């Protein structure tokens, strides 16, 4: 069934509004060694509840080096992670994520990166018993501009989406860190 642009926009707004009224979801965010979801790995991961309780906020040692450009964005360098556990050392992670919708701002980027990290650390791929949902795509459909070239809605950065929604990015938020970005995603969902 082909939906019109307006029907897609309405569905996306309903999706975000539905989560805004629920309290059973989690937010996950990562910082990474670089921008290639096919190769790069997690260097920091955070998981928050819908109410803002921090369940996980950890630096993670990747098997690959951190790209200098990535370090300049998030401020995480090899010295910060070289003595940290690999992602497989966060044993509670699969248990926390199971049974909850997990909201991720850019799911198509974060999910392959998490998988790379687990496989590169010698772990088994996490069984997909959890339910990741992409807030970025929903926000783009709900509030973004139609892009004729791509035939879809234009994606908006997390910071841009928060500014558009009037969400204050105060001193309590450290941009481009997993916990700060997870908190902004949480606030963005609650703004609907």
N, C-alpha and C. Protein backbone atom coordinates (compact mmCIF):
# COMPACT_ATOMS: atom_id res chain seq x y z
N UNK A 1 0.84 -1.18 0.00
CA UNK A 1 0.00 0.00 0.00
C UNK A 1 0.88 1.24 0.00
N UNK A 2 0.70 2.11 -0.97
CA UNK A 2 1.45 3.36 -1.05
C UNK A 2 0.72 4.44 -0.27
N UNK A 3 1.41 5.00 0.69
CA UNK A 3 0.83 6.07 1.48
C UNK A 3 1.22 7.41 0.87
N UNK A 4 0.33 8.36 0.98
CA UNK A 4 0.65 9.71 0.54
C UNK A 4 1.65 10.32 1.51
N UNK A 5 2.25 11.42 1.09
CA UNK A 5 3.19 12.13 1.97
C UNK A 5 2.50 12.53 3.27
N UNK A 6 1.27 13.01 3.17
CA UNK A 6 0.56 13.45 4.37
C UNK A 6 0.25 12.27 5.29
N UNK A 7 -0.12 11.13 4.70
CA UNK A 7 -0.39 9.94 5.53
C UNK A 7 0.88 9.48 6.24
N UNK A 8 2.02 9.53 5.55
CA UNK A 8 3.30 9.17 6.19
C UNK A 8 3.61 10.13 7.34
N UNK A 9 3.40 11.43 7.08
CA UNK A 9 3.65 12.43 8.12
C UNK A 9 2.75 12.18 9.33
N UNK A 10 1.46 11.93 9.09
CA UNK A 10 0.52 11.66 10.18
C UNK A 10 0.93 10.42 10.97
N UNK A 11 1.32 9.35 10.26
CA UNK A 11 1.75 8.11 10.94
C UNK A 11 2.98 8.34 11.79
N UNK A 12 3.94 9.11 11.29
CA UNK A 12 5.15 9.39 12.04
C UNK A 12 4.85 10.21 13.29
N UNK A 13 3.98 11.21 13.16
CA UNK A 13 3.61 12.00 14.33
C UNK A 13 2.89 11.14 15.36
N UNK A 14 2.03 10.25 14.91
CA UNK A 14 1.34 9.34 15.83
C UNK A 14 2.32 8.42 16.53
N UNK A 15 3.31 7.92 15.80
CA UNK A 15 4.35 7.07 16.37
C UNK A 15 5.07 7.81 17.50
N UNK A 16 5.52 9.03 17.24
CA UNK A 16 6.24 9.80 18.25
C UNK A 16 5.33 10.17 19.42
N UNK A 17 4.09 10.54 19.15
CA UNK A 17 3.15 10.88 20.22
C UNK A 17 2.85 9.66 21.09
N UNK A 18 2.73 8.49 20.47
CA UNK A 18 2.43 7.28 21.23
C UNK A 18 3.55 6.99 22.23
N UNK A 19 4.80 7.15 21.80
CA UNK A 19 5.91 6.91 22.73
C UNK A 19 6.00 7.99 23.78
N UNK A 20 5.63 9.20 23.42
CA UNK A 20 5.67 10.28 24.40
C UNK A 20 4.77 9.97 25.59
N UNK A 21 3.69 9.25 25.35
CA UNK A 21 2.74 8.92 26.42
C UNK A 21 3.05 7.61 27.14
N UNK A 22 4.01 6.85 26.65
CA UNK A 22 4.36 5.56 27.26
C UNK A 22 5.59 5.72 28.15
N UNK A 23 5.81 4.75 29.02
CA UNK A 23 6.98 4.79 29.90
C UNK A 23 7.78 3.49 29.87
N UNK A 24 7.49 2.61 28.92
CA UNK A 24 8.14 1.29 28.89
C UNK A 24 9.32 1.22 27.93
N UNK A 25 9.70 2.33 27.32
CA UNK A 25 10.76 2.31 26.32
C UNK A 25 12.09 2.77 26.89
N UNK A 26 13.13 2.43 26.15
CA UNK A 26 14.49 2.83 26.48
C UNK A 26 15.06 3.64 25.33
N UNK A 27 16.10 4.40 25.60
CA UNK A 27 16.83 5.13 24.57
C UNK A 27 18.27 4.62 24.60
N UNK A 28 18.82 4.35 23.42
CA UNK A 28 20.20 3.90 23.30
C UNK A 28 20.94 4.85 22.37
N UNK A 29 22.17 5.18 22.74
CA UNK A 29 23.02 5.98 21.86
C UNK A 29 24.46 5.49 22.00
N UNK A 30 25.22 5.67 20.91
CA UNK A 30 26.63 5.29 20.92
C UNK A 30 27.48 6.43 20.39
N UNK A 31 28.74 6.40 20.75
CA UNK A 31 29.78 7.18 20.07
C UNK A 31 30.71 6.14 19.48
N UNK A 32 31.35 6.47 18.36
CA UNK A 32 32.01 5.45 17.56
C UNK A 32 33.43 5.82 17.14
N UNK A 33 34.13 4.82 16.57
CA UNK A 33 35.50 5.03 16.09
C UNK A 33 35.53 5.82 14.79
N UNK A 34 34.40 5.94 14.11
CA UNK A 34 34.34 6.65 12.84
C UNK A 34 32.94 6.66 12.29
N UNK A 35 32.82 6.96 11.00
CA UNK A 35 31.52 7.14 10.36
C UNK A 35 31.09 5.99 9.45
N UNK A 36 31.84 4.88 9.42
CA UNK A 36 31.52 3.79 8.51
C UNK A 36 30.80 2.67 9.26
N UNK A 37 29.47 2.55 9.08
CA UNK A 37 28.74 1.51 9.81
C UNK A 37 29.16 0.09 9.42
N UNK A 38 29.87 -0.05 8.31
CA UNK A 38 30.34 -1.37 7.90
C UNK A 38 31.63 -1.78 8.57
N UNK A 39 32.37 -0.81 9.14
CA UNK A 39 33.70 -1.10 9.69
C UNK A 39 33.90 -0.63 11.13
N UNK A 40 33.29 0.48 11.49
CA UNK A 40 33.63 1.12 12.76
C UNK A 40 32.95 0.45 13.96
N UNK A 41 33.38 0.86 15.16
CA UNK A 41 32.94 0.22 16.40
C UNK A 41 32.53 1.27 17.44
N UNK A 42 31.92 0.77 18.49
CA UNK A 42 31.47 1.60 19.62
C UNK A 42 32.67 1.95 20.50
N UNK A 43 32.71 3.22 20.95
CA UNK A 43 33.67 3.62 21.98
C UNK A 43 32.95 4.09 23.25
N UNK A 44 31.65 4.35 23.13
CA UNK A 44 30.84 4.73 24.29
C UNK A 44 29.40 4.35 24.01
N UNK A 45 28.72 3.86 25.04
CA UNK A 45 27.32 3.47 24.89
C UNK A 45 26.54 3.93 26.12
N UNK A 46 25.32 4.39 25.88
CA UNK A 46 24.44 4.80 26.97
C UNK A 46 23.04 4.27 26.70
N UNK A 47 22.37 3.86 27.78
CA UNK A 47 20.98 3.43 27.72
C UNK A 47 20.26 4.15 28.86
N UNK A 48 19.16 4.84 28.51
CA UNK A 48 18.34 5.55 29.49
C UNK A 48 16.91 5.04 29.42
N UNK A 49 16.19 5.18 30.52
CA UNK A 49 14.76 4.86 30.52
C UNK A 49 13.98 6.05 29.97
N UNK A 50 12.71 5.86 29.71
CA UNK A 50 11.84 6.93 29.23
C UNK A 50 11.77 8.08 30.23
N UNK A 51 12.01 7.78 31.50
CA UNK A 51 11.98 8.81 32.55
C UNK A 51 13.34 9.50 32.75
N UNK A 52 14.38 8.99 32.06
CA UNK A 52 15.70 9.61 32.15
C UNK A 52 16.66 8.93 33.10
N UNK A 53 16.27 7.81 33.68
CA UNK A 53 17.18 7.06 34.54
C UNK A 53 18.29 6.44 33.68
N UNK A 54 19.53 6.62 34.10
CA UNK A 54 20.67 6.09 33.35
C UNK A 54 20.88 4.63 33.76
N UNK A 55 20.74 3.72 32.80
CA UNK A 55 20.97 2.29 33.04
C UNK A 55 22.39 1.88 32.66
N UNK A 56 22.90 2.47 31.59
CA UNK A 56 24.27 2.20 31.12
C UNK A 56 24.86 3.51 30.65
N UNK A 57 26.09 3.77 31.03
CA UNK A 57 26.85 4.93 30.54
C UNK A 57 28.32 4.54 30.65
N UNK A 58 28.85 3.90 29.58
CA UNK A 58 30.18 3.32 29.67
C UNK A 58 31.02 3.58 28.43
N UNK A 59 32.30 3.78 28.68
CA UNK A 59 33.28 3.78 27.62
C UNK A 59 33.59 2.33 27.28
N UNK A 60 33.89 2.07 26.01
CA UNK A 60 34.10 0.71 25.52
C UNK A 60 35.38 0.70 24.68
N UNK A 61 36.20 -0.34 24.86
CA UNK A 61 37.43 -0.47 24.08
C UNK A 61 37.13 -1.19 22.76
N UNK A 62 37.36 -0.50 21.65
CA UNK A 62 37.17 -1.16 20.35
C UNK A 62 38.42 -1.96 19.98
N UNK A 63 38.28 -2.80 18.98
CA UNK A 63 39.44 -3.51 18.41
C UNK A 63 40.15 -2.64 17.38
N UNK A 64 39.42 -1.69 16.80
CA UNK A 64 40.00 -0.80 15.80
C UNK A 64 40.37 0.54 16.43
N UNK A 65 41.23 1.26 15.78
CA UNK A 65 41.65 2.57 16.27
C UNK A 65 40.53 3.60 16.08
N UNK A 66 40.57 4.63 16.90
CA UNK A 66 39.59 5.71 16.80
C UNK A 66 40.10 6.72 15.78
N UNK A 67 39.27 7.02 14.80
CA UNK A 67 39.61 8.00 13.78
C UNK A 67 39.76 9.37 14.45
N UNK A 68 40.78 10.09 14.04
CA UNK A 68 41.06 11.40 14.64
C UNK A 68 39.87 12.35 14.50
N UNK A 69 39.21 12.32 13.34
CA UNK A 69 38.05 13.20 13.13
C UNK A 69 36.92 12.84 14.09
N UNK A 70 36.73 11.55 14.38
CA UNK A 70 35.70 11.14 15.34
C UNK A 70 36.05 11.64 16.74
N UNK A 71 37.32 11.51 17.12
CA UNK A 71 37.76 11.99 18.44
C UNK A 71 37.54 13.49 18.59
N UNK A 72 37.74 14.23 17.51
CA UNK A 72 37.54 15.67 17.57
C UNK A 72 36.08 16.02 17.80
N UNK A 73 35.16 15.16 17.34
CA UNK A 73 33.73 15.41 17.55
C UNK A 73 33.32 15.04 18.96
N UNK A 74 33.61 13.81 19.39
CA UNK A 74 33.11 13.36 20.70
C UNK A 74 34.10 13.51 21.85
N UNK A 75 35.35 13.78 21.55
CA UNK A 75 36.34 14.00 22.60
C UNK A 75 36.83 12.73 23.28
N UNK A 76 36.61 11.58 22.67
CA UNK A 76 37.06 10.31 23.23
C UNK A 76 38.28 9.85 22.44
N UNK A 77 39.37 9.61 23.16
CA UNK A 77 40.63 9.21 22.53
C UNK A 77 41.03 7.83 23.02
N UNK A 78 42.01 7.23 22.34
CA UNK A 78 42.45 5.88 22.69
C UNK A 78 42.84 5.77 24.16
N UNK A 79 43.51 6.80 24.70
CA UNK A 79 43.91 6.78 26.11
C UNK A 79 42.70 6.63 27.04
N UNK A 80 41.54 7.12 26.61
CA UNK A 80 40.33 7.04 27.42
C UNK A 80 39.75 5.63 27.47
N UNK A 81 39.99 4.83 26.42
CA UNK A 81 39.31 3.53 26.30
C UNK A 81 40.24 2.33 26.35
N UNK A 82 41.56 2.54 26.30
CA UNK A 82 42.47 1.40 26.16
C UNK A 82 42.38 0.40 27.32
N UNK A 83 41.95 0.80 28.48
CA UNK A 83 41.85 -0.11 29.63
C UNK A 83 40.39 -0.46 29.97
N UNK A 84 39.48 -0.06 29.10
CA UNK A 84 38.05 -0.35 29.31
C UNK A 84 37.71 -1.72 28.72
N UNK A 85 36.60 -2.30 29.15
CA UNK A 85 36.20 -3.59 28.57
C UNK A 85 35.68 -3.42 27.15
N UNK A 86 35.73 -4.51 26.39
CA UNK A 86 35.07 -4.54 25.09
C UNK A 86 33.56 -4.51 25.35
N UNK A 87 32.79 -4.28 24.34
CA UNK A 87 31.33 -4.20 24.49
C UNK A 87 30.76 -5.49 25.07
N UNK A 88 31.40 -6.62 24.78
CA UNK A 88 30.92 -7.90 25.32
C UNK A 88 31.09 -7.98 26.83
N UNK A 89 31.89 -7.08 27.40
CA UNK A 89 32.06 -7.02 28.85
C UNK A 89 30.89 -6.35 29.56
N UNK A 90 29.99 -5.74 28.82
CA UNK A 90 28.80 -5.12 29.42
C UNK A 90 27.72 -6.20 29.40
N UNK A 91 27.82 -7.12 30.32
CA UNK A 91 26.99 -8.33 30.31
C UNK A 91 25.50 -8.04 30.50
N UNK A 92 25.19 -6.93 31.15
CA UNK A 92 23.78 -6.61 31.40
C UNK A 92 23.07 -6.07 30.16
N UNK A 93 23.82 -5.66 29.16
CA UNK A 93 23.23 -4.98 28.01
C UNK A 93 22.12 -5.78 27.32
N UNK A 94 22.34 -7.04 26.92
CA UNK A 94 21.25 -7.77 26.25
C UNK A 94 20.01 -7.92 27.13
N UNK A 95 20.22 -8.09 28.43
CA UNK A 95 19.09 -8.27 29.34
C UNK A 95 18.29 -6.99 29.52
N UNK A 96 18.99 -5.85 29.56
CA UNK A 96 18.30 -4.56 29.69
C UNK A 96 17.44 -4.25 28.48
N UNK A 97 17.94 -4.61 27.29
CA UNK A 97 17.26 -4.23 26.05
C UNK A 97 16.10 -5.14 25.69
N UNK A 98 16.13 -6.36 26.19
CA UNK A 98 15.10 -7.34 25.85
C UNK A 98 13.76 -6.96 26.48
N UNK A 99 12.72 -7.01 25.68
CA UNK A 99 11.37 -6.79 26.19
C UNK A 99 10.92 -5.34 26.21
N UNK A 100 11.75 -4.44 25.68
CA UNK A 100 11.39 -3.02 25.64
C UNK A 100 11.57 -2.49 24.23
N UNK A 101 10.71 -1.59 23.80
CA UNK A 101 11.06 -0.86 22.58
C UNK A 101 12.30 -0.02 22.88
N UNK A 102 13.28 -0.04 21.99
CA UNK A 102 14.53 0.70 22.17
C UNK A 102 14.58 1.78 21.10
N UNK A 103 14.51 3.03 21.52
CA UNK A 103 14.53 4.15 20.59
C UNK A 103 15.98 4.59 20.37
N UNK A 104 16.34 4.70 19.10
CA UNK A 104 17.70 5.07 18.70
C UNK A 104 17.54 6.20 17.69
N UNK A 105 18.31 7.27 17.84
CA UNK A 105 18.11 8.38 16.91
C UNK A 105 18.42 7.97 15.48
N UNK A 106 19.55 7.30 15.25
CA UNK A 106 19.89 6.86 13.90
C UNK A 106 20.15 5.36 13.92
N UNK A 107 19.10 4.59 13.94
CA UNK A 107 19.17 3.13 14.07
C UNK A 107 20.02 2.49 12.99
N UNK A 108 19.91 2.96 11.76
CA UNK A 108 20.64 2.34 10.65
C UNK A 108 22.15 2.55 10.75
N UNK A 109 22.58 3.47 11.58
CA UNK A 109 24.01 3.67 11.84
C UNK A 109 24.42 2.88 13.09
N UNK A 110 23.68 3.05 14.17
CA UNK A 110 24.09 2.46 15.45
C UNK A 110 24.02 0.93 15.48
N UNK A 111 23.00 0.34 14.89
CA UNK A 111 22.86 -1.12 14.98
C UNK A 111 24.01 -1.87 14.31
N UNK A 112 24.44 -1.51 13.09
CA UNK A 112 25.60 -2.21 12.51
C UNK A 112 26.89 -1.97 13.31
N UNK A 113 27.03 -0.79 13.88
CA UNK A 113 28.23 -0.48 14.67
C UNK A 113 28.27 -1.37 15.92
N UNK A 114 27.13 -1.55 16.58
CA UNK A 114 27.07 -2.43 17.75
C UNK A 114 27.41 -3.86 17.35
N UNK A 115 26.85 -4.30 16.25
CA UNK A 115 27.15 -5.65 15.75
C UNK A 115 28.65 -5.81 15.46
N UNK A 116 29.26 -4.85 14.76
CA UNK A 116 30.70 -4.90 14.49
C UNK A 116 31.49 -5.04 15.77
N UNK A 117 31.13 -4.25 16.77
CA UNK A 117 31.86 -4.26 18.04
C UNK A 117 31.79 -5.62 18.71
N UNK A 118 30.61 -6.20 18.71
CA UNK A 118 30.43 -7.51 19.35
C UNK A 118 31.22 -8.58 18.59
N UNK A 119 31.10 -8.60 17.29
CA UNK A 119 31.80 -9.61 16.48
C UNK A 119 33.31 -9.43 16.56
N UNK A 120 33.80 -8.20 16.49
CA UNK A 120 35.24 -7.95 16.56
C UNK A 120 35.83 -8.30 17.92
N UNK A 121 35.01 -8.26 18.96
CA UNK A 121 35.46 -8.63 20.31
C UNK A 121 35.33 -10.14 20.55
N UNK A 122 34.90 -10.87 19.51
CA UNK A 122 34.80 -12.33 19.64
C UNK A 122 33.48 -12.80 20.20
N UNK A 123 32.51 -11.91 20.29
CA UNK A 123 31.21 -12.28 20.84
C UNK A 123 30.28 -12.81 19.78
N UNK A 124 29.21 -13.39 20.25
CA UNK A 124 28.15 -13.85 19.36
C UNK A 124 27.22 -12.67 19.09
N UNK A 125 26.70 -12.57 17.86
CA UNK A 125 25.76 -11.48 17.60
C UNK A 125 24.60 -11.55 18.59
N UNK A 126 24.21 -10.38 19.10
CA UNK A 126 23.10 -10.34 20.05
C UNK A 126 21.84 -10.81 19.34
N UNK A 127 21.17 -11.74 19.96
CA UNK A 127 19.90 -12.18 19.41
C UNK A 127 18.97 -10.97 19.38
N UNK A 128 18.23 -10.85 18.32
CA UNK A 128 17.38 -9.68 18.15
C UNK A 128 16.07 -9.87 18.91
N UNK A 129 16.19 -10.04 20.24
CA UNK A 129 15.01 -10.14 21.08
C UNK A 129 14.52 -8.76 21.48
N UNK A 130 15.26 -7.75 21.10
CA UNK A 130 14.87 -6.39 21.41
C UNK A 130 14.41 -5.70 20.14
N UNK A 131 13.75 -4.60 20.34
CA UNK A 131 12.99 -3.96 19.28
C UNK A 131 13.48 -2.53 19.04
N UNK A 132 14.56 -2.35 18.23
CA UNK A 132 15.04 -0.98 17.99
C UNK A 132 14.13 -0.23 17.02
N UNK A 133 13.91 1.05 17.31
CA UNK A 133 13.08 1.93 16.48
C UNK A 133 13.87 3.19 16.17
N UNK A 134 13.73 3.71 14.96
CA UNK A 134 14.51 4.87 14.52
C UNK A 134 13.73 6.16 14.72
N UNK A 135 14.20 6.98 15.65
CA UNK A 135 13.57 8.27 15.92
C UNK A 135 13.88 9.26 14.80
N UNK A 136 15.09 9.20 14.23
CA UNK A 136 15.47 10.14 13.18
C UNK A 136 14.54 10.05 11.97
N UNK A 137 14.25 8.83 11.52
CA UNK A 137 13.36 8.66 10.37
C UNK A 137 11.94 9.11 10.70
N UNK A 138 11.48 8.78 11.91
CA UNK A 138 10.13 9.21 12.31
C UNK A 138 10.06 10.73 12.39
N UNK A 139 11.10 11.35 12.97
CA UNK A 139 11.11 12.81 13.06
C UNK A 139 11.15 13.43 11.67
N UNK A 140 11.97 12.87 10.77
CA UNK A 140 12.05 13.40 9.41
C UNK A 140 10.69 13.36 8.74
N UNK A 141 9.98 12.25 8.90
CA UNK A 141 8.64 12.15 8.30
C UNK A 141 7.65 13.09 8.96
N UNK A 142 7.77 13.24 10.28
CA UNK A 142 6.81 14.07 11.01
C UNK A 142 7.05 15.55 10.79
N UNK A 143 8.30 15.95 10.65
CA UNK A 143 8.61 17.38 10.66
C UNK A 143 9.54 17.85 9.54
N UNK A 144 10.13 16.93 8.81
CA UNK A 144 11.12 17.31 7.81
C UNK A 144 10.51 17.76 6.50
N UNK A 145 11.36 18.24 5.63
CA UNK A 145 10.95 18.67 4.29
C UNK A 145 11.09 17.50 3.33
N UNK A 146 10.20 17.44 2.35
CA UNK A 146 10.26 16.41 1.32
C UNK A 146 11.45 16.70 0.40
N UNK A 147 12.25 15.68 0.13
CA UNK A 147 13.39 15.80 -0.77
C UNK A 147 13.07 15.06 -2.06
N UNK A 148 12.79 15.81 -3.11
CA UNK A 148 12.41 15.21 -4.40
C UNK A 148 13.52 14.32 -4.95
N UNK A 149 14.77 14.73 -4.78
CA UNK A 149 15.90 13.96 -5.30
C UNK A 149 15.94 12.55 -4.74
N UNK A 150 15.72 12.41 -3.43
CA UNK A 150 15.78 11.10 -2.78
C UNK A 150 14.42 10.44 -2.63
N UNK A 151 13.36 11.18 -2.88
CA UNK A 151 12.03 10.61 -2.76
C UNK A 151 11.66 10.26 -1.32
N UNK A 152 12.17 11.04 -0.38
CA UNK A 152 11.87 10.81 1.03
C UNK A 152 12.01 12.14 1.77
N UNK A 153 11.74 12.09 3.06
CA UNK A 153 11.89 13.29 3.87
C UNK A 153 13.36 13.49 4.23
N UNK A 154 13.78 14.73 4.30
CA UNK A 154 15.17 15.06 4.64
C UNK A 154 15.42 14.75 6.11
N UNK A 155 16.53 14.10 6.37
CA UNK A 155 16.92 13.81 7.74
C UNK A 155 17.42 15.08 8.41
N UNK A 156 17.23 15.13 9.70
CA UNK A 156 17.64 16.29 10.50
C UNK A 156 18.56 15.77 11.59
N UNK A 157 19.64 16.49 11.86
CA UNK A 157 20.54 16.09 12.95
C UNK A 157 19.77 16.13 14.28
N UNK A 158 20.25 15.40 15.25
CA UNK A 158 19.61 15.39 16.57
C UNK A 158 19.58 16.80 17.16
N UNK A 159 20.69 17.48 17.09
CA UNK A 159 20.75 18.85 17.60
C UNK A 159 19.76 19.74 16.86
N UNK A 160 19.71 19.62 15.53
CA UNK A 160 18.77 20.42 14.73
C UNK A 160 17.32 20.12 15.07
N UNK A 161 17.00 18.84 15.27
CA UNK A 161 15.63 18.46 15.63
C UNK A 161 15.25 19.06 16.98
N UNK A 162 16.17 19.02 17.92
CA UNK A 162 15.88 19.57 19.26
C UNK A 162 15.68 21.08 19.18
N UNK A 163 16.50 21.75 18.41
CA UNK A 163 16.34 23.20 18.24
C UNK A 163 14.99 23.49 17.59
N UNK A 164 14.64 22.73 16.54
CA UNK A 164 13.34 22.92 15.87
C UNK A 164 12.17 22.74 16.84
N UNK A 165 12.31 21.83 17.79
CA UNK A 165 11.23 21.54 18.74
C UNK A 165 11.28 22.44 19.97
N UNK A 166 12.24 23.35 20.03
CA UNK A 166 12.34 24.26 21.17
C UNK A 166 12.91 23.62 22.42
N UNK A 167 13.67 22.56 22.25
CA UNK A 167 14.28 21.87 23.40
C UNK A 167 15.59 22.56 23.73
N UNK A 168 15.69 23.03 24.94
CA UNK A 168 16.90 23.73 25.36
C UNK A 168 18.03 22.72 25.55
N UNK A 169 19.16 23.04 24.97
CA UNK A 169 20.35 22.21 25.14
C UNK A 169 21.24 22.95 26.14
N UNK A 170 21.01 22.66 27.41
CA UNK A 170 21.69 23.37 28.47
C UNK A 170 23.02 22.74 28.85
N UNK A 171 23.58 23.27 29.93
CA UNK A 171 24.87 22.78 30.42
C UNK A 171 24.79 21.35 30.93
N UNK A 172 23.59 20.85 31.18
CA UNK A 172 23.44 19.47 31.66
C UNK A 172 23.62 18.45 30.54
N UNK A 173 23.70 18.92 29.29
CA UNK A 173 23.83 18.04 28.13
C UNK A 173 25.22 18.18 27.53
N UNK A 174 25.91 17.06 27.40
CA UNK A 174 27.20 17.05 26.70
C UNK A 174 26.93 16.49 25.30
N UNK A 175 26.86 17.40 24.32
CA UNK A 175 26.60 17.00 22.95
C UNK A 175 27.68 16.05 22.44
N UNK A 176 27.27 15.13 21.59
CA UNK A 176 28.17 14.17 20.95
C UNK A 176 28.84 13.25 21.95
N UNK A 177 28.18 13.03 23.08
CA UNK A 177 28.54 11.97 24.01
C UNK A 177 27.29 11.11 24.14
N UNK A 178 27.47 9.82 24.36
CA UNK A 178 26.34 8.89 24.31
C UNK A 178 25.23 9.26 25.29
N UNK A 179 25.60 9.57 26.53
CA UNK A 179 24.57 9.90 27.52
C UNK A 179 23.84 11.19 27.16
N UNK A 180 24.58 12.20 26.73
CA UNK A 180 23.96 13.48 26.36
C UNK A 180 23.04 13.33 25.16
N UNK A 181 23.49 12.60 24.14
CA UNK A 181 22.66 12.42 22.95
C UNK A 181 21.45 11.53 23.25
N UNK A 182 21.61 10.54 24.12
CA UNK A 182 20.45 9.72 24.52
C UNK A 182 19.43 10.58 25.26
N UNK A 183 19.91 11.47 26.11
CA UNK A 183 19.00 12.36 26.84
C UNK A 183 18.28 13.30 25.88
N UNK A 184 18.98 13.81 24.88
CA UNK A 184 18.32 14.68 23.89
C UNK A 184 17.28 13.90 23.10
N UNK A 185 17.57 12.67 22.73
CA UNK A 185 16.59 11.84 22.03
C UNK A 185 15.37 11.63 22.89
N UNK A 186 15.59 11.37 24.16
CA UNK A 186 14.47 11.17 25.11
C UNK A 186 13.61 12.43 25.19
N UNK A 187 14.24 13.59 25.32
CA UNK A 187 13.51 14.85 25.39
C UNK A 187 12.76 15.13 24.08
N UNK A 188 13.40 14.80 22.96
CA UNK A 188 12.75 15.00 21.66
C UNK A 188 11.48 14.19 21.56
N UNK A 189 11.51 12.93 21.96
CA UNK A 189 10.30 12.08 21.91
C UNK A 189 9.24 12.66 22.83
N UNK A 190 9.64 13.12 24.01
CA UNK A 190 8.66 13.69 24.95
C UNK A 190 8.11 15.04 24.49
N UNK A 191 8.71 15.65 23.48
CA UNK A 191 8.21 16.94 23.00
C UNK A 191 6.97 16.80 22.12
N UNK A 192 6.59 15.56 21.81
CA UNK A 192 5.41 15.34 20.95
C UNK A 192 4.18 15.07 21.79
